[in-house]
Amino acid sequence: RVTERRPTALWMHEGREILIDVTGRELSALKAGTQVKLPL
């Protein structure tokens, strides 16, 4: 049984948008053209 982290913001790093959680941990990079409603 796993509990996953919740993305809380987008981070721009080296030209890519990366989902991060509240601790700043990188979760995954967004695919080009993906729209999410998270603060930058």
ModelCIF file with pLDDT and N, C-alpha, C, O atoms, coordinates in Angstrom:
data_MODEL
#
_entry.id   MODEL 
#
_entity.id                         1 
_entity.type                       polymer 
_entity.pdbx_number_of_molecules   1 
#
_entity_poly.entity_id                      1 
_entity_poly.type                           'polypeptide(L)' 
_entity_poly.nstd_linkage                   no 
_entity_poly.nstd_monomer                   no 
_entity_poly.pdbx_seq_one_letter_code       RVTERRPTALWMHEGREILIDVTGRELSALKAGTQVKLPL 
_entity_poly.pdbx_seq_one_letter_code_can   RVTERRPTALWMHEGREILIDVTGRELSALKAGTQVKLPL 
_entity_poly.pdbx_strand_id                 A 
#
loop_
_entity_poly_seq.entity_id 
_entity_poly_seq.num 
_entity_poly_seq.mon_id 
_entity_poly_seq.hetero 
1 1  ARG n 
1 2  VAL n 
1 3  THR n 
1 4  GLU n 
1 5  ARG n 
1 6  ARG n 
1 7  PRO n 
1 8  THR n 
1 9  ALA n 
1 10 LEU n 
1 11 TRP n 
1 12 MET n 
1 13 HIS n 
1 14 GLU n 
1 15 GLY n 
1 16 ARG n 
1 17 GLU n 
1 18 ILE n 
1 19 LEU n 
1 20 ILE n 
1 21 ASP n 
1 22 VAL n 
1 23 THR n 
1 24 GLY n 
1 25 ARG n 
1 26 GLU n 
1 27 LEU n 
1 28 SER n 
1 29 ALA n 
1 30 LEU n 
1 31 LYS n 
1 32 ALA n 
1 33 GLY n 
1 34 THR n 
1 35 GLN n 
1 36 VAL n 
1 37 LYS n 
1 38 LEU n 
1 39 PRO n 
1 40 LEU n 
#
_struct_asym.id          A 
_struct_asym.entity_id   1 
#
loop_
_ma_qa_metric.id 
_ma_qa_metric.mode 
_ma_qa_metric.name 
_ma_qa_metric.software_group_id 
_ma_qa_metric.type 
1 global pLDDT . pLDDT 
2 local  pLDDT . pLDDT 
#
_ma_qa_metric_global.metric_id      1 
_ma_qa_metric_global.metric_value   82.10 
_ma_qa_metric_global.model_id       1 
_ma_qa_metric_global.ordinal_id     1 
#
loop_
_ma_qa_metric_local.label_asym_id 
_ma_qa_metric_local.label_comp_id 
_ma_qa_metric_local.label_seq_id 
_ma_qa_metric_local.metric_id 
_ma_qa_metric_local.metric_value 
_ma_qa_metric_local.model_id 
_ma_qa_metric_local.ordinal_id 
A ARG 1  2 96.00 1 1  
A VAL 2  2 96.00 1 2  
A THR 3  2 94.00 1 3  
A GLU 4  2 92.00 1 4  
A ARG 5  2 91.00 1 5  
A ARG 6  2 90.00 1 6  
A PRO 7  2 87.00 1 7  
A THR 8  2 85.00 1 8  
A ALA 9  2 86.00 1 9  
A LEU 10 2 83.00 1 10 
A TRP 11 2 82.00 1 11 
A MET 12 2 80.00 1 12 
A HIS 13 2 76.00 1 13 
A GLU 14 2 78.00 1 14 
A GLY 15 2 78.00 1 15 
A ARG 16 2 81.00 1 16 
A GLU 17 2 83.00 1 17 
A ILE 18 2 84.00 1 18 
A LEU 19 2 87.00 1 19 
A ILE 20 2 83.00 1 20 
A ASP 21 2 85.00 1 21 
A VAL 22 2 84.00 1 22 
A THR 23 2 84.00 1 23 
A GLY 24 2 80.00 1 24 
A ARG 25 2 86.00 1 25 
A GLU 26 2 84.00 1 26 
A LEU 27 2 85.00 1 27 
A SER 28 2 85.00 1 28 
A ALA 29 2 85.00 1 29 
A LEU 30 2 79.00 1 30 
A LYS 31 2 76.00 1 31 
A ALA 32 2 73.00 1 32 
A GLY 33 2 69.00 1 33 
A THR 34 2 72.00 1 34 
A GLN 35 2 72.00 1 35 
A VAL 36 2 76.00 1 36 
A LYS 37 2 76.00 1 37 
A LEU 38 2 75.00 1 38 
A PRO 39 2 72.00 1 39 
A LEU 40 2 74.00 1 40 
#
loop_
_atom_site.group_PDB 
_atom_site.id 
_atom_site.type_symbol 
_atom_site.label_atom_id 
_atom_site.label_alt_id 
_atom_site.label_comp_id 
_atom_site.label_asym_id 
_atom_site.label_entity_id 
_atom_site.label_seq_id 
_atom_site.pdbx_PDB_ins_code 
_atom_site.Cartn_x 
_atom_site.Cartn_y 
_atom_site.Cartn_z 
_atom_site.occupancy 
_atom_site.B_iso_or_equiv 
_atom_site.pdbx_formal_charge 
_atom_site.auth_seq_id 
_atom_site.auth_comp_id 
_atom_site.auth_asym_id 
_atom_site.auth_atom_id 
_atom_site.pdbx_PDB_model_num 
ATOM 1   N N  . ARG A 1 1  ? 0.855  -1.189 0.000   1.00 96.00 ? 1  ARG A N  1 
ATOM 2   C CA . ARG A 1 1  ? 0.000  0.000  0.000   1.00 96.00 ? 1  ARG A CA 1 
ATOM 3   C C  . ARG A 1 1  ? 0.887  1.235  0.000   1.00 96.00 ? 1  ARG A C  1 
ATOM 4   O O  . ARG A 1 1  ? 1.784  1.373  0.832   1.00 96.00 ? 1  ARG A O  1 
ATOM 5   N N  . VAL A 1 2  ? 0.623  2.130  -0.947  1.00 96.00 ? 2  VAL A N  1 
ATOM 6   C CA . VAL A 1 2  ? 1.431  3.340  -1.042  1.00 96.00 ? 2  VAL A CA 1 
ATOM 7   C C  . VAL A 1 2  ? 0.537  4.570  -0.934  1.00 96.00 ? 2  VAL A C  1 
ATOM 8   O O  . VAL A 1 2  ? -0.649 4.535  -1.264  1.00 96.00 ? 2  VAL A O  1 
ATOM 9   N N  . THR A 1 3  ? 1.136  5.646  -0.468  1.00 94.00 ? 3  THR A N  1 
ATOM 10  C CA . THR A 1 3  ? 0.496  6.958  -0.461  1.00 94.00 ? 3  THR A CA 1 
ATOM 11  C C  . THR A 1 3  ? 1.397  7.860  -1.281  1.00 94.00 ? 3  THR A C  1 
ATOM 12  O O  . THR A 1 3  ? 2.591  7.989  -1.012  1.00 94.00 ? 3  THR A O  1 
ATOM 13  N N  . GLU A 1 4  ? 0.802  8.477  -2.283  1.00 92.00 ? 4  GLU A N  1 
ATOM 14  C CA . GLU A 1 4  ? 1.605  9.331  -3.151  1.00 92.00 ? 4  GLU A CA 1 
ATOM 15  C C  . GLU A 1 4  ? 1.593  10.777 -2.661  1.00 92.00 ? 4  GLU A C  1 
ATOM 16  O O  . GLU A 1 4  ? 0.680  11.212 -1.959  1.00 92.00 ? 4  GLU A O  1 
ATOM 17  N N  . ARG A 1 5  ? 2.619  11.491 -3.047  1.00 91.00 ? 5  ARG A N  1 
ATOM 18  C CA . ARG A 1 5  ? 2.741  12.908 -2.719  1.00 91.00 ? 5  ARG A CA 1 
ATOM 19  C C  . ARG A 1 5  ? 1.774  13.713 -3.581  1.00 91.00 ? 5  ARG A C  1 
ATOM 20  O O  . ARG A 1 5  ? 1.374  13.277 -4.661  1.00 91.00 ? 5  ARG A O  1 
ATOM 21  N N  . ARG A 1 6  ? 1.409  14.879 -3.093  1.00 90.00 ? 6  ARG A N  1 
ATOM 22  C CA . ARG A 1 6  ? 0.510  15.745 -3.849  1.00 90.00 ? 6  ARG A CA 1 
ATOM 23  C C  . ARG A 1 6  ? 1.316  16.884 -4.456  1.00 90.00 ? 6  ARG A C  1 
ATOM 24  O O  . ARG A 1 6  ? 2.070  17.554 -3.751  1.00 90.00 ? 6  ARG A O  1 
ATOM 25  N N  . PRO A 1 7  ? 1.164  17.109 -5.755  1.00 87.00 ? 7  PRO A N  1 
ATOM 26  C CA . PRO A 1 7  ? 1.873  18.249 -6.362  1.00 87.00 ? 7  PRO A CA 1 
ATOM 27  C C  . PRO A 1 7  ? 1.259  19.560 -5.860  1.00 87.00 ? 7  PRO A C  1 
ATOM 28  O O  . PRO A 1 7  ? 0.038  19.703 -5.803  1.00 87.00 ? 7  PRO A O  1 
ATOM 29  N N  . THR A 1 8  ? 2.115  20.503 -5.502  1.00 85.00 ? 8  THR A N  1 
ATOM 30  C CA . THR A 1 8  ? 1.615  21.782 -4.991  1.00 85.00 ? 8  THR A CA 1 
ATOM 31  C C  . THR A 1 8  ? 2.051  22.977 -5.833  1.00 85.00 ? 8  THR A C  1 
ATOM 32  O O  . THR A 1 8  ? 1.510  24.072 -5.684  1.00 85.00 ? 8  THR A O  1 
ATOM 33  N N  . ALA A 1 9  ? 3.023  22.770 -6.713  1.00 86.00 ? 9  ALA A N  1 
ATOM 34  C CA . ALA A 1 9  ? 3.481  23.898 -7.537  1.00 86.00 ? 9  ALA A CA 1 
ATOM 35  C C  . ALA A 1 9  ? 4.216  23.378 -8.763  1.00 86.00 ? 9  ALA A C  1 
ATOM 36  O O  . ALA A 1 9  ? 4.601  22.212 -8.852  1.00 86.00 ? 9  ALA A O  1 
ATOM 37  N N  . LEU A 1 10 ? 4.393  24.305 -9.706  1.00 83.00 ? 10 LEU A N  1 
ATOM 38  C CA . LEU A 1 10 ? 5.212  24.042 -10.893 1.00 83.00 ? 10 LEU A CA 1 
ATOM 39  C C  . LEU A 1 10 ? 6.531  24.775 -10.709 1.00 83.00 ? 10 LEU A C  1 
ATOM 40  O O  . LEU A 1 10 ? 6.569  25.883 -10.173 1.00 83.00 ? 10 LEU A O  1 
ATOM 41  N N  . TRP A 1 11 ? 7.595  24.157 -11.152 1.00 82.00 ? 11 TRP A N  1 
ATOM 42  C CA . TRP A 1 11 ? 8.906  24.772 -11.057 1.00 82.00 ? 11 TRP A CA 1 
ATOM 43  C C  . TRP A 1 11 ? 9.522  24.763 -12.444 1.00 82.00 ? 11 TRP A C  1 
ATOM 44  O O  . TRP A 1 11 ? 9.575  23.722 -13.099 1.00 82.00 ? 11 TRP A O  1 
ATOM 45  N N  . MET A 1 12 ? 9.984  25.909 -12.887 1.00 80.00 ? 12 MET A N  1 
ATOM 46  C CA . MET A 1 12 ? 10.663 26.014 -14.176 1.00 80.00 ? 12 MET A CA 1 
ATOM 47  C C  . MET A 1 12 ? 12.142 25.748 -13.946 1.00 80.00 ? 12 MET A C  1 
ATOM 48  O O  . MET A 1 12 ? 12.805 26.474 -13.204 1.00 80.00 ? 12 MET A O  1 
ATOM 49  N N  . HIS A 1 13 ? 12.653 24.705 -14.584 1.00 76.00 ? 13 HIS A N  1 
ATOM 50  C CA . HIS A 1 13 ? 14.060 24.360 -14.414 1.00 76.00 ? 13 HIS A CA 1 
ATOM 51  C C  . HIS A 1 13 ? 14.612 23.899 -15.755 1.00 76.00 ? 13 HIS A C  1 
ATOM 52  O O  . HIS A 1 13 ? 14.142 22.918 -16.332 1.00 76.00 ? 13 HIS A O  1 
ATOM 53  N N  . GLU A 1 14 ? 15.619 24.625 -16.242 1.00 78.00 ? 14 GLU A N  1 
ATOM 54  C CA . GLU A 1 14 ? 16.278 24.313 -17.518 1.00 78.00 ? 14 GLU A CA 1 
ATOM 55  C C  . GLU A 1 14 ? 15.272 24.203 -18.662 1.00 78.00 ? 14 GLU A C  1 
ATOM 56  O O  . GLU A 1 14 ? 15.376 23.322 -19.516 1.00 78.00 ? 14 GLU A O  1 
ATOM 57  N N  . GLY A 1 15 ? 14.304 25.108 -18.663 1.00 78.00 ? 15 GLY A N  1 
ATOM 58  C CA . GLY A 1 15 ? 13.327 25.146 -19.744 1.00 78.00 ? 15 GLY A CA 1 
ATOM 59  C C  . GLY A 1 15 ? 12.211 24.122 -19.639 1.00 78.00 ? 15 GLY A C  1 
ATOM 60  O O  . GLY A 1 15 ? 11.405 23.997 -20.562 1.00 78.00 ? 15 GLY A O  1 
ATOM 61  N N  . ARG A 1 16 ? 12.144 23.396 -18.552 1.00 81.00 ? 16 ARG A N  1 
ATOM 62  C CA . ARG A 1 16 ? 11.078 22.395 -18.373 1.00 81.00 ? 16 ARG A CA 1 
ATOM 63  C C  . ARG A 1 16 ? 10.227 22.763 -17.171 1.00 81.00 ? 16 ARG A C  1 
ATOM 64  O O  . ARG A 1 16 ? 10.704 23.361 -16.207 1.00 81.00 ? 16 ARG A O  1 
ATOM 65  N N  . GLU A 1 17 ? 8.951  22.391 -17.249 1.00 83.00 ? 17 GLU A N  1 
ATOM 66  C CA . GLU A 1 17 ? 8.067  22.566 -16.109 1.00 83.00 ? 17 GLU A CA 1 
ATOM 67  C C  . GLU A 1 17 ? 8.064  21.263 -15.314 1.00 83.00 ? 17 GLU A C  1 
ATOM 68  O O  . GLU A 1 17 ? 7.808  20.190 -15.861 1.00 83.00 ? 17 GLU A O  1 
ATOM 69  N N  . ILE A 1 18 ? 8.352  21.371 -14.018 1.00 84.00 ? 18 ILE A N  1 
ATOM 70  C CA . ILE A 1 18 ? 8.452  20.188 -13.164 1.00 84.00 ? 18 ILE A CA 1 
ATOM 71  C C  . ILE A 1 18 ? 7.473  20.337 -12.011 1.00 84.00 ? 18 ILE A C  1 
ATOM 72  O O  . ILE A 1 18 ? 7.400  21.386 -11.370 1.00 84.00 ? 18 ILE A O  1 
ATOM 73  N N  . LEU A 1 19 ? 6.720  19.267 -11.757 1.00 87.00 ? 19 LEU A N  1 
ATOM 74  C CA . LEU A 1 19 ? 5.827  19.246 -10.606 1.00 87.00 ? 19 LEU A CA 1 
ATOM 75  C C  . LEU A 1 19 ? 6.638  19.020 -9.343  1.00 87.00 ? 19 LEU A C  1 
ATOM 76  O O  . LEU A 1 19 ? 7.500  18.142 -9.303  1.00 87.00 ? 19 LEU A O  1 
ATOM 77  N N  . ILE A 1 20 ? 6.367  19.812 -8.308  1.00 83.00 ? 20 ILE A N  1 
ATOM 78  C CA . ILE A 1 20 ? 7.034  19.621 -7.026  1.00 83.00 ? 20 ILE A CA 1 
ATOM 79  C C  . ILE A 1 20 ? 5.980  19.541 -5.925  1.00 83.00 ? 20 ILE A C  1 
ATOM 80  O O  . ILE A 1 20 ? 4.857  20.018 -6.087  1.00 83.00 ? 20 ILE A O  1 
ATOM 81  N N  . ASP A 1 21 ? 6.361  18.929 -4.799  1.00 85.00 ? 21 ASP A N  1 
ATOM 82  C CA . ASP A 1 21 ? 5.435  18.873 -3.662  1.00 85.00 ? 21 ASP A CA 1 
ATOM 83  C C  . ASP A 1 21 ? 5.746  20.001 -2.689  1.00 85.00 ? 21 ASP A C  1 
ATOM 84  O O  . ASP A 1 21 ? 6.569  20.868 -2.980  1.00 85.00 ? 21 ASP A O  1 
ATOM 85  N N  . VAL A 1 22 ? 5.100  19.989 -1.556  1.00 84.00 ? 22 VAL A N  1 
ATOM 86  C CA . VAL A 1 22 ? 5.237  21.073 -0.586  1.00 84.00 ? 22 VAL A CA 1 
ATOM 87  C C  . VAL A 1 22 ? 6.658  21.174 -0.027  1.00 84.00 ? 22 VAL A C  1 
ATOM 88  O O  . VAL A 1 22 ? 7.067  22.249 0.413   1.00 84.00 ? 22 VAL A O  1 
ATOM 89  N N  . THR A 1 23 ? 7.418  20.073 -0.037  1.00 84.00 ? 23 THR A N  1 
ATOM 90  C CA . THR A 1 23 ? 8.791  20.105 0.468   1.00 84.00 ? 23 THR A CA 1 
ATOM 91  C C  . THR A 1 23 ? 9.793  20.529 -0.601  1.00 84.00 ? 23 THR A C  1 
ATOM 92  O O  . THR A 1 23 ? 10.971 20.726 -0.300  1.00 84.00 ? 23 THR A O  1 
ATOM 93  N N  . GLY A 1 24 ? 9.343  20.672 -1.840  1.00 80.00 ? 24 GLY A N  1 
ATOM 94  C CA . GLY A 1 24 ? 10.238 21.028 -2.935  1.00 80.00 ? 24 GLY A CA 1 
ATOM 95  C C  . GLY A 1 24 ? 10.792 19.822 -3.669  1.00 80.00 ? 24 GLY A C  1 
ATOM 96  O O  . GLY A 1 24 ? 11.646 19.967 -4.544  1.00 80.00 ? 24 GLY A O  1 
ATOM 97  N N  . ARG A 1 25 ? 10.322 18.651 -3.328  1.00 86.00 ? 25 ARG A N  1 
ATOM 98  C CA . ARG A 1 25 ? 10.785 17.427 -3.995  1.00 86.00 ? 25 ARG A CA 1 
ATOM 99  C C  . ARG A 1 25 ? 10.226 17.364 -5.407  1.00 86.00 ? 25 ARG A C  1 
ATOM 100 O O  . ARG A 1 25 ? 9.032  17.567 -5.627  1.00 86.00 ? 25 ARG A O  1 
ATOM 101 N N  . GLU A 1 26 ? 11.114 17.078 -6.366  1.00 84.00 ? 26 GLU A N  1 
ATOM 102 C CA . GLU A 1 26 ? 10.690 16.940 -7.760  1.00 84.00 ? 26 GLU A CA 1 
ATOM 103 C C  . GLU A 1 26 ? 9.897  15.649 -7.918  1.00 84.00 ? 26 GLU A C  1 
ATOM 104 O O  . GLU A 1 26 ? 10.354 14.575 -7.526  1.00 84.00 ? 26 GLU A O  1 
ATOM 105 N N  . LEU A 1 27 ? 8.696  15.767 -8.499  1.00 85.00 ? 27 LEU A N  1 
ATOM 106 C CA . LEU A 1 27 ? 7.857  14.593 -8.709  1.00 85.00 ? 27 LEU A CA 1 
ATOM 107 C C  . LEU A 1 27 ? 7.990  14.075 -10.141 1.00 85.00 ? 27 LEU A C  1 
ATOM 108 O O  . LEU A 1 27 ? 8.306  12.905 -10.354 1.00 85.00 ? 27 LEU A O  1 
ATOM 109 N N  . SER A 1 28 ? 7.752  14.937 -11.107 1.00 85.00 ? 28 SER A N  1 
ATOM 110 C CA . SER A 1 28 ? 7.955  14.545 -12.505 1.00 85.00 ? 28 SER A CA 1 
ATOM 111 C C  . SER A 1 28 ? 7.881  15.789 -13.387 1.00 85.00 ? 28 SER A C  1 
ATOM 112 O O  . SER A 1 28 ? 7.326  16.819 -13.003 1.00 85.00 ? 28 SER A O  1 
ATOM 113 N N  . ALA A 1 29 ? 8.448  15.662 -14.557 1.00 85.00 ? 29 ALA A N  1 
ATOM 114 C CA . ALA A 1 29 ? 8.386  16.746 -15.533 1.00 85.00 ? 29 ALA A CA 1 
ATOM 115 C C  . ALA A 1 29 ? 7.059  16.655 -16.273 1.00 85.00 ? 29 ALA A C  1 
ATOM 116 O O  . ALA A 1 29 ? 6.547  15.562 -16.516 1.00 85.00 ? 29 ALA A O  1 
ATOM 117 N N  . LEU A 1 30 ? 6.513  17.796 -16.625 1.00 79.00 ? 30 LEU A N  1 
ATOM 118 C CA . LEU A 1 30 ? 5.277  17.815 -17.393 1.00 79.00 ? 30 LEU A CA 1 
ATOM 119 C C  . LEU A 1 30 ? 5.582  17.634 -18.868 1.00 79.00 ? 30 LEU A C  1 
ATOM 120 O O  . LEU A 1 30 ? 6.597  18.116 -19.370 1.00 79.00 ? 30 LEU A O  1 
ATOM 121 N N  . LYS A 1 31 ? 4.703  16.944 -19.546 1.00 76.00 ? 31 LYS A N  1 
ATOM 122 C CA . LYS A 1 31 ? 4.836  16.827 -20.996 1.00 76.00 ? 31 LYS A CA 1 
ATOM 123 C C  . LYS A 1 31 ? 4.470  18.158 -21.621 1.00 76.00 ? 31 LYS A C  1 
ATOM 124 O O  . LYS A 1 31 ? 3.656  18.905 -21.079 1.00 76.00 ? 31 LYS A O  1 
ATOM 125 N N  . ALA A 1 32 ? 5.074  18.451 -22.763 1.00 73.00 ? 32 ALA A N  1 
ATOM 126 C CA . ALA A 1 32 ? 4.810  19.712 -23.456 1.00 73.00 ? 32 ALA A CA 1 
ATOM 127 C C  . ALA A 1 32 ? 3.325  19.814 -23.779 1.00 73.00 ? 32 ALA A C  1 
ATOM 128 O O  . ALA A 1 32 ? 2.720  18.860 -24.269 1.00 73.00 ? 32 ALA A O  1 
ATOM 129 N N  . GLY A 1 33 ? 2.751  20.965 -23.504 1.00 69.00 ? 33 GLY A N  1 
ATOM 130 C CA . GLY A 1 33 ? 1.343  21.198 -23.811 1.00 69.00 ? 33 GLY A CA 1 
ATOM 131 C C  . GLY A 1 33 ? 0.383  20.805 -22.699 1.00 69.00 ? 33 GLY A C  1 
ATOM 132 O O  . GLY A 1 33 ? -0.823 21.007 -22.840 1.00 69.00 ? 33 GLY A O  1 
ATOM 133 N N  . THR A 1 34 ? 0.875  20.253 -21.608 1.00 72.00 ? 34 THR A N  1 
ATOM 134 C CA . THR A 1 34 ? 0.007  19.867 -20.501 1.00 72.00 ? 34 THR A CA 1 
ATOM 135 C C  . THR A 1 34 ? -0.328 21.102 -19.679 1.00 72.00 ? 34 THR A C  1 
ATOM 136 O O  . THR A 1 34 ? 0.557  21.873 -19.309 1.00 72.00 ? 34 THR A O  1 
ATOM 137 N N  . GLN A 1 35 ? -1.605 21.280 -19.399 1.00 72.00 ? 35 GLN A N  1 
ATOM 138 C CA . GLN A 1 35 ? -2.065 22.416 -18.623 1.00 72.00 ? 35 GLN A CA 1 
ATOM 139 C C  . GLN A 1 35 ? -2.467 21.949 -17.227 1.00 72.00 ? 35 GLN A C  1 
ATOM 140 O O  . GLN A 1 35 ? -3.286 21.039 -17.093 1.00 72.00 ? 35 GLN A O  1 
ATOM 141 N N  . VAL A 1 36 ? -1.904 22.558 -16.192 1.00 76.00 ? 36 VAL A N  1 
ATOM 142 C CA . VAL A 1 36 ? -2.287 22.274 -14.819 1.00 76.00 ? 36 VAL A CA 1 
ATOM 143 C C  . VAL A 1 36 ? -2.513 23.599 -14.106 1.00 76.00 ? 36 VAL A C  1 
ATOM 144 O O  . VAL A 1 36 ? -1.899 24.614 -14.433 1.00 76.00 ? 36 VAL A O  1 
ATOM 145 N N  . LYS A 1 37 ? -3.411 23.567 -13.122 1.00 76.00 ? 37 LYS A N  1 
ATOM 146 C CA . LYS A 1 37 ? -3.714 24.781 -12.372 1.00 76.00 ? 37 LYS A CA 1 
ATOM 147 C C  . LYS A 1 37 ? -2.979 24.734 -11.040 1.00 76.00 ? 37 LYS A C  1 
ATOM 148 O O  . LYS A 1 37 ? -3.561 24.437 -9.997  1.00 76.00 ? 37 LYS A O  1 
ATOM 149 N N  . LEU A 1 38 ? -1.695 25.033 -11.103 1.00 75.00 ? 38 LEU A N  1 
ATOM 150 C CA . LEU A 1 38 ? -0.851 25.096 -9.906  1.00 75.00 ? 38 LEU A CA 1 
ATOM 151 C C  . LEU A 1 38 ? -0.035 26.372 -9.959  1.00 75.00 ? 38 LEU A C  1 
ATOM 152 O O  . LEU A 1 38 ? 0.299  26.847 -11.044 1.00 75.00 ? 38 LEU A O  1 
ATOM 153 N N  . PRO A 1 39 ? 0.290  26.933 -8.809  1.00 72.00 ? 39 PRO A N  1 
ATOM 154 C CA . PRO A 1 39 ? 1.120  28.142 -8.816  1.00 72.00 ? 39 PRO A CA 1 
ATOM 155 C C  . PRO A 1 39 ? 2.535  27.844 -9.302  1.00 72.00 ? 39 PRO A C  1 
ATOM 156 O O  . PRO A 1 39 ? 3.027  26.722 -9.183  1.00 72.00 ? 39 PRO A O  1 
ATOM 157 N N  . LEU A 1 40 ? 3.169  28.861 -9.846  1.00 74.00 ? 40 LEU A N  1 
ATOM 158 C CA . LEU A 1 40 ? 4.544  28.721 -10.319 1.00 74.00 ? 40 LEU A CA 1 
ATOM 159 C C  . LEU A 1 40 ? 5.478  29.021 -9.157  1.00 74.00 ? 40 LEU A C  1 
ATOM 160 O O  . LEU A 1 40 ? 6.698  28.967 -9.315  1.00 74.00 ? 40 LEU A O  1 
#
